N, C-alpha and C. Protein backbone atom coordinates (compact mmCIF):
# COMPACT_ATOMS: atom_id res chain seq x y z
N UNK A 1 37.13 35.86 -31.64
CA UNK A 1 35.75 35.48 -31.82
C UNK A 1 35.51 34.05 -31.22
N UNK A 2 34.57 33.86 -30.45
CA UNK A 2 34.08 32.72 -29.83
C UNK A 2 33.33 31.95 -30.75
N UNK A 3 33.28 30.64 -30.59
CA UNK A 3 32.53 29.64 -31.40
C UNK A 3 31.08 29.42 -30.99
N UNK A 4 30.40 28.95 -31.99
CA UNK A 4 28.89 28.53 -31.64
C UNK A 4 29.08 27.39 -31.05
N UNK A 5 28.18 27.18 -30.03
CA UNK A 5 28.00 25.90 -29.17
C UNK A 5 26.56 25.52 -28.92
N UNK A 6 26.24 24.45 -28.70
CA UNK A 6 24.95 23.83 -28.36
C UNK A 6 25.17 23.10 -27.01
N UNK A 7 24.21 23.71 -26.03
CA UNK A 7 24.41 23.29 -24.66
C UNK A 7 23.66 21.92 -24.54
N UNK A 8 24.27 21.34 -23.45
CA UNK A 8 23.96 19.92 -23.11
C UNK A 8 22.36 19.66 -23.11
N UNK A 9 21.82 20.65 -22.49
CA UNK A 9 20.28 20.58 -22.37
C UNK A 9 19.72 20.58 -23.81
N UNK A 10 20.00 21.30 -24.64
CA UNK A 10 19.63 21.27 -26.13
C UNK A 10 19.95 19.95 -26.85
N UNK A 11 21.02 19.39 -26.64
CA UNK A 11 21.36 18.06 -27.16
C UNK A 11 20.38 17.05 -26.67
N UNK A 12 20.11 17.03 -25.34
CA UNK A 12 18.98 15.97 -25.01
C UNK A 12 17.68 16.33 -25.43
N UNK A 13 17.24 17.64 -25.90
CA UNK A 13 16.13 17.81 -26.49
C UNK A 13 15.99 17.26 -27.82
N UNK A 14 17.15 17.19 -28.44
CA UNK A 14 17.44 16.76 -29.80
C UNK A 14 17.15 14.97 -29.97
N UNK A 15 17.20 14.48 -28.73
CA UNK A 15 17.02 13.06 -28.72
C UNK A 15 15.64 12.54 -29.32
N UNK A 16 14.72 13.32 -28.57
CA UNK A 16 13.26 12.92 -29.21
C UNK A 16 13.15 13.02 -30.37
N UNK A 17 13.54 14.10 -31.27
CA UNK A 17 13.34 14.24 -32.54
C UNK A 17 14.07 13.21 -33.28
N UNK A 18 15.33 12.92 -32.92
CA UNK A 18 16.18 12.01 -33.47
C UNK A 18 15.46 10.66 -33.44
N UNK A 19 15.01 10.14 -32.39
CA UNK A 19 14.42 8.87 -32.29
C UNK A 19 13.16 8.79 -32.99
N UNK A 20 12.25 9.77 -33.05
CA UNK A 20 10.96 9.84 -33.58
C UNK A 20 10.79 10.46 -35.04
N UNK A 21 11.82 11.15 -35.28
CA UNK A 21 11.89 11.71 -36.79
C UNK A 21 11.02 12.93 -36.70
N UNK A 22 11.00 13.72 -37.78
CA UNK A 22 10.43 15.01 -37.66
C UNK A 22 11.15 16.08 -37.83
N UNK A 23 10.98 17.39 -37.60
CA UNK A 23 11.46 18.54 -37.70
C UNK A 23 11.74 19.33 -36.51
N UNK A 24 12.68 20.00 -36.21
CA UNK A 24 12.94 20.84 -35.19
C UNK A 24 14.02 21.92 -35.46
N UNK A 25 14.10 22.92 -34.58
CA UNK A 25 15.05 24.04 -34.61
C UNK A 25 15.77 24.06 -33.41
N UNK A 26 17.00 24.14 -33.73
CA UNK A 26 18.04 24.19 -32.60
C UNK A 26 19.00 25.34 -32.61
N UNK A 27 18.83 26.37 -31.56
CA UNK A 27 19.67 27.31 -31.64
C UNK A 27 21.10 27.17 -31.14
N UNK A 28 22.09 27.63 -31.87
CA UNK A 28 23.49 27.50 -31.66
C UNK A 28 24.03 28.84 -31.12
N UNK A 29 24.62 29.05 -29.99
CA UNK A 29 24.91 30.38 -29.34
C UNK A 29 26.43 30.66 -29.27
N UNK A 30 26.60 31.87 -29.47
CA UNK A 30 28.00 32.34 -28.73
C UNK A 30 27.67 33.85 -28.28
N UNK A 31 28.60 34.30 -27.57
CA UNK A 31 28.16 35.59 -26.63
C UNK A 31 27.51 36.53 -27.67
N UNK A 32 27.99 36.88 -28.94
CA UNK A 32 27.46 38.17 -29.54
C UNK A 32 26.33 37.71 -30.38
N UNK A 33 25.95 36.65 -30.48
CA UNK A 33 25.10 36.25 -31.48
C UNK A 33 24.43 34.87 -31.47
N UNK A 34 23.47 34.59 -32.08
CA UNK A 34 22.92 33.11 -32.23
C UNK A 34 22.45 32.84 -33.72
N UNK A 35 22.30 31.46 -33.90
CA UNK A 35 21.78 31.10 -35.23
C UNK A 35 21.06 29.85 -35.06
N UNK A 36 20.05 29.84 -35.89
CA UNK A 36 19.08 28.52 -35.69
C UNK A 36 19.51 27.67 -36.74
N UNK A 37 19.67 26.27 -36.50
CA UNK A 37 19.81 25.10 -37.21
C UNK A 37 18.27 24.41 -37.42
N UNK A 38 17.95 24.46 -38.56
CA UNK A 38 16.52 23.73 -38.84
C UNK A 38 16.89 22.33 -39.43
N UNK A 39 16.54 21.41 -38.51
CA UNK A 39 16.94 19.95 -38.69
C UNK A 39 15.63 19.10 -39.20
N UNK A 40 15.79 18.29 -39.99
CA UNK A 40 14.77 17.53 -40.51
C UNK A 40 15.30 16.00 -40.37
N UNK A 41 14.62 15.14 -39.69
CA UNK A 41 14.99 13.72 -39.37
C UNK A 41 14.23 12.77 -39.99
N UNK A 42 14.47 11.73 -40.86
CA UNK A 42 13.90 10.76 -41.23
C UNK A 42 14.63 9.45 -40.94
N UNK A 43 13.92 8.66 -40.45
CA UNK A 43 14.50 7.34 -39.88
C UNK A 43 14.05 6.09 -40.70
N UNK A 44 14.82 5.18 -40.77
CA UNK A 44 14.67 3.79 -41.20
C UNK A 44 14.87 2.87 -40.17
N UNK A 45 14.88 1.53 -40.46
CA UNK A 45 15.26 0.52 -39.47
C UNK A 45 16.66 0.47 -38.96
N UNK A 46 17.48 1.06 -39.81
CA UNK A 46 18.97 1.15 -39.27
C UNK A 46 19.48 2.53 -38.98
N UNK A 47 19.09 3.50 -39.85
CA UNK A 47 19.80 4.80 -39.66
C UNK A 47 18.75 5.82 -39.22
N UNK A 48 19.46 7.15 -38.92
CA UNK A 48 18.81 8.33 -38.87
C UNK A 48 19.26 9.14 -39.83
N UNK A 49 18.54 9.66 -40.94
CA UNK A 49 19.16 10.54 -42.03
C UNK A 49 18.66 11.97 -41.58
N UNK A 50 19.62 12.85 -41.49
CA UNK A 50 19.31 14.21 -41.19
C UNK A 50 19.70 15.14 -42.16
N UNK A 51 18.86 16.23 -42.43
CA UNK A 51 19.11 17.34 -43.33
C UNK A 51 19.11 18.58 -42.39
N UNK A 52 20.28 19.29 -42.37
CA UNK A 52 20.22 20.47 -41.55
C UNK A 52 20.44 21.76 -42.42
N UNK A 53 19.64 22.75 -42.02
CA UNK A 53 19.85 24.05 -42.94
C UNK A 53 20.21 25.14 -41.87
N UNK A 54 21.10 25.90 -42.24
CA UNK A 54 21.57 27.19 -41.56
C UNK A 54 21.35 28.37 -42.61
N UNK A 55 20.09 29.08 -42.62
CA UNK A 55 19.80 29.95 -43.55
C UNK A 55 19.67 29.27 -45.05
N UNK A 56 20.49 29.71 -46.19
CA UNK A 56 20.53 29.11 -47.32
C UNK A 56 21.29 27.77 -47.43
N UNK A 57 22.18 27.59 -46.42
CA UNK A 57 23.03 26.38 -46.48
C UNK A 57 22.49 25.14 -45.76
N UNK A 58 22.94 23.94 -46.39
CA UNK A 58 22.48 22.78 -45.88
C UNK A 58 23.61 21.87 -45.81
N UNK A 59 23.26 20.93 -44.93
CA UNK A 59 24.38 19.66 -44.94
C UNK A 59 23.71 18.46 -44.35
N UNK A 60 24.16 17.31 -44.44
CA UNK A 60 23.42 16.17 -44.00
C UNK A 60 24.31 15.23 -43.45
N UNK A 61 23.70 14.44 -42.57
CA UNK A 61 24.70 13.39 -41.91
C UNK A 61 23.57 12.18 -41.74
N UNK A 62 24.30 11.05 -41.65
CA UNK A 62 23.55 9.72 -41.42
C UNK A 62 24.15 9.05 -40.18
N UNK A 63 23.30 8.96 -39.06
CA UNK A 63 23.76 8.39 -37.80
C UNK A 63 23.16 7.04 -37.50
N UNK A 64 23.71 6.08 -37.15
CA UNK A 64 23.32 4.72 -36.80
C UNK A 64 22.30 4.89 -35.60
N UNK A 65 21.26 4.08 -35.78
CA UNK A 65 20.30 4.17 -34.69
C UNK A 65 20.79 3.47 -33.40
N UNK A 66 21.57 2.55 -33.38
CA UNK A 66 22.15 1.83 -32.17
C UNK A 66 23.43 2.48 -31.72
N UNK A 67 23.78 3.55 -32.31
CA UNK A 67 25.02 4.03 -31.84
C UNK A 67 24.92 4.95 -30.64
N UNK A 68 25.59 4.61 -29.30
CA UNK A 68 25.43 5.30 -28.21
C UNK A 68 25.92 6.70 -28.12
N UNK A 69 26.94 6.94 -29.16
CA UNK A 69 27.58 8.29 -29.37
C UNK A 69 26.86 9.17 -30.46
N UNK A 70 25.74 8.75 -30.88
CA UNK A 70 25.15 9.51 -32.01
C UNK A 70 24.36 11.07 -31.54
N UNK A 71 24.13 11.28 -30.32
CA UNK A 71 23.88 12.55 -29.92
C UNK A 71 25.03 13.49 -29.96
N UNK A 72 26.08 13.02 -29.56
CA UNK A 72 27.23 13.74 -29.48
C UNK A 72 27.98 14.07 -30.98
N UNK A 73 27.70 12.88 -31.73
CA UNK A 73 27.95 13.06 -33.21
C UNK A 73 27.29 14.27 -33.84
N UNK A 74 25.92 14.16 -33.54
CA UNK A 74 25.12 15.23 -34.15
C UNK A 74 25.51 16.66 -33.53
N UNK A 75 25.76 16.73 -32.43
CA UNK A 75 26.23 17.88 -31.72
C UNK A 75 27.44 18.42 -32.38
N UNK A 76 28.36 17.63 -32.44
CA UNK A 76 29.76 17.98 -33.16
C UNK A 76 29.52 18.49 -34.76
N UNK A 77 28.64 17.70 -35.32
CA UNK A 77 28.41 18.03 -36.79
C UNK A 77 27.81 19.36 -36.93
N UNK A 78 26.81 19.82 -36.09
CA UNK A 78 26.18 21.04 -36.16
C UNK A 78 27.06 22.21 -35.71
N UNK A 79 27.96 21.88 -34.68
CA UNK A 79 28.87 23.08 -34.31
C UNK A 79 30.00 23.14 -35.43
N UNK A 80 30.40 21.90 -36.03
CA UNK A 80 31.36 22.00 -37.11
C UNK A 80 30.96 23.00 -38.30
N UNK A 81 29.63 22.52 -38.61
CA UNK A 81 29.26 23.44 -39.78
C UNK A 81 28.95 24.79 -39.36
N UNK A 82 28.36 25.11 -38.15
CA UNK A 82 28.26 26.63 -37.86
C UNK A 82 29.47 27.27 -37.55
N UNK A 83 30.48 26.62 -37.41
CA UNK A 83 31.89 27.26 -37.14
C UNK A 83 32.81 27.22 -38.29
N UNK A 84 32.33 26.70 -39.22
CA UNK A 84 33.17 26.77 -40.66
C UNK A 84 34.11 25.77 -40.56
N UNK A 85 34.01 24.68 -39.84
CA UNK A 85 34.99 23.55 -39.97
C UNK A 85 34.67 22.44 -40.90
N UNK A 86 33.80 22.87 -41.91
CA UNK A 86 33.53 21.91 -42.99
C UNK A 86 33.35 22.81 -44.12
N UNK A 87 33.16 22.31 -45.35
CA UNK A 87 33.15 23.11 -46.62
C UNK A 87 31.81 23.84 -46.61
N UNK A 88 30.76 23.16 -46.24
CA UNK A 88 29.40 23.91 -46.17
C UNK A 88 29.56 24.95 -44.94
N UNK A 89 30.22 24.66 -44.10
CA UNK A 89 30.31 25.38 -42.85
C UNK A 89 31.05 26.68 -43.17
N UNK A 90 32.08 26.51 -43.99
CA UNK A 90 32.66 27.82 -44.38
C UNK A 90 31.82 28.82 -45.09
N UNK A 91 30.88 28.36 -45.92
CA UNK A 91 29.89 29.08 -46.60
C UNK A 91 28.83 29.74 -45.51
N UNK A 92 28.58 28.88 -44.58
CA UNK A 92 27.58 29.45 -43.59
C UNK A 92 28.21 30.33 -42.61
N UNK A 93 29.41 30.21 -42.29
CA UNK A 93 30.25 31.17 -41.33
C UNK A 93 30.23 32.55 -42.25
N UNK A 94 30.54 32.54 -43.58
CA UNK A 94 30.55 33.63 -44.38
C UNK A 94 29.17 34.24 -44.43
N UNK A 95 28.34 33.42 -44.51
CA UNK A 95 26.81 34.12 -44.57
C UNK A 95 26.53 34.69 -43.18
N UNK A 96 26.97 34.12 -42.03
CA UNK A 96 26.72 34.72 -40.77
C UNK A 96 27.45 36.15 -40.53
N UNK A 97 28.69 36.05 -41.06
CA UNK A 97 29.54 37.23 -41.12
C UNK A 97 28.91 38.35 -41.83
N UNK A 98 28.46 38.07 -42.93
CA UNK A 98 27.78 39.07 -43.70
C UNK A 98 26.59 39.58 -43.00
N UNK A 99 25.64 38.90 -42.40
CA UNK A 99 24.55 39.28 -41.66
C UNK A 99 24.87 40.17 -40.70
N UNK A 100 25.73 39.74 -39.75
CA UNK A 100 26.29 40.36 -38.69
C UNK A 100 26.82 41.75 -39.29
N UNK A 101 27.67 41.88 -40.31
CA UNK A 101 28.04 43.15 -40.93
C UNK A 101 26.81 44.04 -41.34
N UNK A 102 25.89 43.36 -41.84
CA UNK A 102 24.75 44.35 -42.39
C UNK A 102 24.11 44.85 -41.18
N UNK A 103 23.89 44.15 -40.02
CA UNK A 103 23.39 44.70 -38.81
C UNK A 103 24.17 45.83 -38.23
N UNK A 104 25.44 45.55 -38.01
CA UNK A 104 26.18 46.59 -37.55
C UNK A 104 26.24 47.98 -38.37
N UNK A 105 26.51 47.59 -39.66
CA UNK A 105 26.39 49.01 -40.64
C UNK A 105 25.22 49.65 -40.44
N UNK A 106 23.98 48.82 -40.38
CA UNK A 106 22.53 49.49 -40.62
C UNK A 106 22.37 50.11 -39.21
N UNK A 107 22.91 49.67 -38.02
CA UNK A 107 22.70 50.24 -36.79
C UNK A 107 23.57 51.66 -36.61
N UNK A 108 24.68 51.85 -37.63
CA UNK A 108 25.51 53.06 -37.63
C UNK A 108 24.71 54.05 -38.61
N UNK A 109 23.91 53.77 -39.22
CA UNK A 109 23.51 54.58 -40.44
C UNK A 109 22.50 55.79 -39.90
N UNK A 110 22.44 56.93 -40.23
CA UNK A 110 21.61 57.90 -40.01
C UNK A 110 20.17 57.37 -40.48
N UNK A 111 19.18 57.97 -40.15
CA UNK A 111 17.62 57.66 -40.47
C UNK A 111 17.68 58.05 -41.92
N UNK A 112 16.70 57.22 -42.60
CA UNK A 112 16.66 57.38 -44.23
C UNK A 112 17.69 56.65 -45.03
N UNK A 113 18.55 56.09 -44.46
CA UNK A 113 19.57 55.49 -45.31
C UNK A 113 19.53 53.93 -45.08
N UNK A 114 19.89 53.22 -46.07
CA UNK A 114 19.89 51.81 -46.06
C UNK A 114 21.29 51.12 -46.63
N UNK A 115 21.52 50.19 -45.75
CA UNK A 115 22.93 49.39 -46.45
C UNK A 115 22.64 48.09 -47.17
N UNK A 116 23.43 47.84 -48.20
CA UNK A 116 23.27 46.62 -48.62
C UNK A 116 24.88 46.06 -48.65
N UNK A 117 24.92 44.85 -48.21
CA UNK A 117 26.08 43.96 -48.01
C UNK A 117 26.59 43.20 -49.02
N UNK A 118 27.84 42.98 -49.57
CA UNK A 118 28.05 41.98 -50.57
C UNK A 118 29.37 41.57 -50.24
N UNK A 119 29.66 40.07 -50.39
CA UNK A 119 31.27 39.53 -50.46
C UNK A 119 31.98 40.16 -51.46
N UNK A 120 33.12 40.44 -51.24
CA UNK A 120 33.99 40.64 -52.30
C UNK A 120 35.07 39.61 -52.74
N UNK A 121 35.71 39.73 -53.77
CA UNK A 121 36.78 38.58 -54.15
C UNK A 121 38.12 39.07 -53.54
N UNK A 122 38.33 40.17 -52.90
CA UNK A 122 39.52 40.71 -52.19
C UNK A 122 39.66 40.12 -50.86
N UNK A 123 40.66 39.43 -50.71
CA UNK A 123 40.88 38.54 -49.47
C UNK A 123 41.14 39.58 -48.36
N UNK A 124 41.92 40.70 -48.57
CA UNK A 124 42.02 41.83 -47.62
C UNK A 124 40.91 42.60 -47.26
N UNK A 125 39.87 42.62 -48.10
CA UNK A 125 38.72 43.51 -47.66
C UNK A 125 37.55 42.65 -48.32
N UNK A 126 37.28 41.68 -47.36
CA UNK A 126 36.06 40.53 -47.88
C UNK A 126 34.72 41.29 -47.75
N UNK A 127 34.47 42.46 -47.23
CA UNK A 127 33.06 42.86 -46.93
C UNK A 127 33.08 44.13 -47.91
N UNK A 128 31.87 44.18 -48.30
CA UNK A 128 31.57 45.47 -49.31
C UNK A 128 30.38 45.94 -48.91
N UNK A 129 30.06 47.29 -48.90
CA UNK A 129 28.57 47.73 -48.68
C UNK A 129 28.33 48.80 -49.71
N UNK A 130 27.20 49.03 -49.93
CA UNK A 130 26.57 50.20 -50.69
C UNK A 130 25.50 50.81 -49.91
N UNK A 131 25.59 51.99 -49.61
CA UNK A 131 24.66 52.84 -48.78
C UNK A 131 23.78 53.77 -49.66
N UNK A 132 22.52 53.68 -49.57
CA UNK A 132 21.60 54.60 -50.33
C UNK A 132 20.49 55.15 -49.44
N UNK A 133 20.04 56.24 -50.04
CA UNK A 133 19.05 57.04 -49.31
C UNK A 133 17.71 56.58 -49.75
N UNK A 134 16.54 57.25 -49.06
CA UNK A 134 15.29 56.92 -49.37
C UNK A 134 14.88 56.90 -50.82
N UNK A 135 15.69 57.42 -51.68
CA UNK A 135 15.20 57.75 -52.98
C UNK A 135 16.09 56.82 -53.99
N UNK A 136 16.85 55.99 -53.15
CA UNK A 136 17.67 54.70 -53.81
C UNK A 136 19.01 55.18 -54.36
N UNK A 137 19.33 56.54 -54.05
CA UNK A 137 20.63 57.20 -54.75
C UNK A 137 21.73 56.67 -53.77
N UNK A 138 22.73 56.47 -54.35
CA UNK A 138 23.96 55.92 -53.80
C UNK A 138 24.59 57.12 -52.96
N UNK A 139 24.83 56.94 -51.55
CA UNK A 139 25.42 57.89 -50.64
C UNK A 139 26.99 57.50 -50.35
N UNK A 140 27.22 56.44 -50.51
CA UNK A 140 28.47 55.72 -49.94
C UNK A 140 28.71 54.43 -50.38
N UNK A 141 30.03 54.01 -50.80
CA UNK A 141 30.36 52.65 -50.72
C UNK A 141 31.66 52.37 -50.06
N UNK A 142 31.93 51.17 -49.50
CA UNK A 142 33.03 51.05 -48.64
C UNK A 142 33.37 49.57 -48.62
N UNK A 143 34.55 49.19 -48.34
CA UNK A 143 35.09 47.88 -48.15
C UNK A 143 35.61 47.71 -46.79
N UNK A 144 35.77 46.68 -46.15
CA UNK A 144 36.41 46.49 -45.03
C UNK A 144 36.96 45.00 -44.67
N UNK A 145 38.00 45.14 -43.85
CA UNK A 145 38.64 43.72 -43.61
C UNK A 145 37.75 42.94 -42.52
N UNK A 146 36.83 43.60 -41.82
CA UNK A 146 35.84 42.91 -40.77
C UNK A 146 34.69 43.83 -40.69
N UNK A 147 33.74 43.19 -39.98
CA UNK A 147 32.47 44.07 -39.80
C UNK A 147 32.88 45.74 -39.08
N UNK A 148 33.77 45.55 -38.32
CA UNK A 148 34.16 46.87 -37.66
C UNK A 148 34.85 47.77 -38.45
N UNK A 149 35.77 47.13 -39.22
CA UNK A 149 36.51 48.12 -40.37
C UNK A 149 35.35 48.66 -41.41
N UNK A 150 34.48 47.74 -41.72
CA UNK A 150 33.40 48.22 -42.58
C UNK A 150 32.55 49.42 -42.11
N UNK A 151 32.21 49.26 -40.75
CA UNK A 151 31.41 50.25 -40.20
C UNK A 151 32.20 51.81 -40.29
N UNK A 152 33.48 51.53 -39.67
CA UNK A 152 34.43 52.84 -39.71
C UNK A 152 34.41 53.39 -41.09
N UNK A 153 34.74 52.67 -42.26
CA UNK A 153 34.86 53.09 -43.57
C UNK A 153 33.41 53.91 -44.02
N UNK A 154 32.44 53.16 -43.51
CA UNK A 154 31.02 53.95 -43.79
C UNK A 154 31.07 55.23 -43.01
N UNK A 155 31.28 55.21 -41.80
CA UNK A 155 31.14 56.34 -41.09
C UNK A 155 32.07 57.68 -41.60
N UNK A 156 33.25 57.18 -42.06
CA UNK A 156 34.24 58.06 -42.77
C UNK A 156 33.68 58.62 -44.03
N UNK A 157 33.16 57.67 -45.01
CA UNK A 157 32.56 58.23 -46.13
C UNK A 157 31.29 59.09 -45.90
N UNK A 158 30.61 58.89 -44.65
CA UNK A 158 29.27 59.75 -44.66
C UNK A 158 29.67 61.00 -43.68
N UNK A 159 30.96 61.03 -43.39
CA UNK A 159 31.41 62.20 -42.53
C UNK A 159 30.95 62.13 -41.07
N UNK A 160 30.74 61.02 -40.58
CA UNK A 160 30.47 60.74 -39.15
C UNK A 160 31.58 60.73 -38.40
N UNK A 161 31.55 61.09 -37.25
CA UNK A 161 32.54 60.95 -36.29
C UNK A 161 32.65 59.32 -35.91
N UNK A 162 33.87 58.69 -35.82
CA UNK A 162 33.94 57.30 -35.40
C UNK A 162 33.38 57.12 -34.08
N UNK A 163 32.72 55.91 -33.68
CA UNK A 163 32.55 55.65 -32.39
C UNK A 163 33.54 54.85 -31.78
N UNK A 164 33.95 55.00 -30.60
CA UNK A 164 34.90 54.21 -29.89
C UNK A 164 34.35 52.96 -29.35
N UNK A 165 35.13 52.05 -28.91
CA UNK A 165 34.62 50.93 -28.09
C UNK A 165 34.93 51.06 -26.67
N UNK A 166 35.05 52.13 -26.05
CA UNK A 166 35.40 52.43 -24.53
C UNK A 166 36.87 52.30 -24.40
N UNK A 167 37.76 52.49 -25.38
CA UNK A 167 39.09 52.30 -24.95
C UNK A 167 39.66 53.58 -24.23
N UNK A 168 39.23 54.66 -24.51
CA UNK A 168 39.60 55.91 -24.03
C UNK A 168 38.61 56.40 -23.15
N UNK A 169 38.92 56.77 -21.99
CA UNK A 169 37.73 57.40 -20.89
C UNK A 169 38.10 58.85 -21.04
């Protein structure tokens, strides 16, 4: 899996918000998805104080106003959080993985069914799902090692043929 990155153009757009304070949204991208960082900047005479939110998770950093590397420090901080290289980033990474799993499972369901995703305490199968019909009746439960094995498990429980990824022609 590739990592979330912020392109150089976006870093330069962050400069104005960093210098003037205020709020902005900064997309972090990787080939298969993107996530928005919501950034709030408050300045004083010496520092920039930033609060960053990725969905329900937040992080904060203080950068010196006169530091010539502060833009790159902000970029590194955002990428570290989004890619799970900090404690709060690990929570964010897990939340992103759960959202992606929900999207993938939901796309695989027949009409009239709805998936609910939950983390598990099983390190071998960290994803769990419950699938219900329109009446709220449970149609399937499944666990998976990753979002793809979770989809395969749901398909098996619902009696659907697995979809390939183009490996066999």
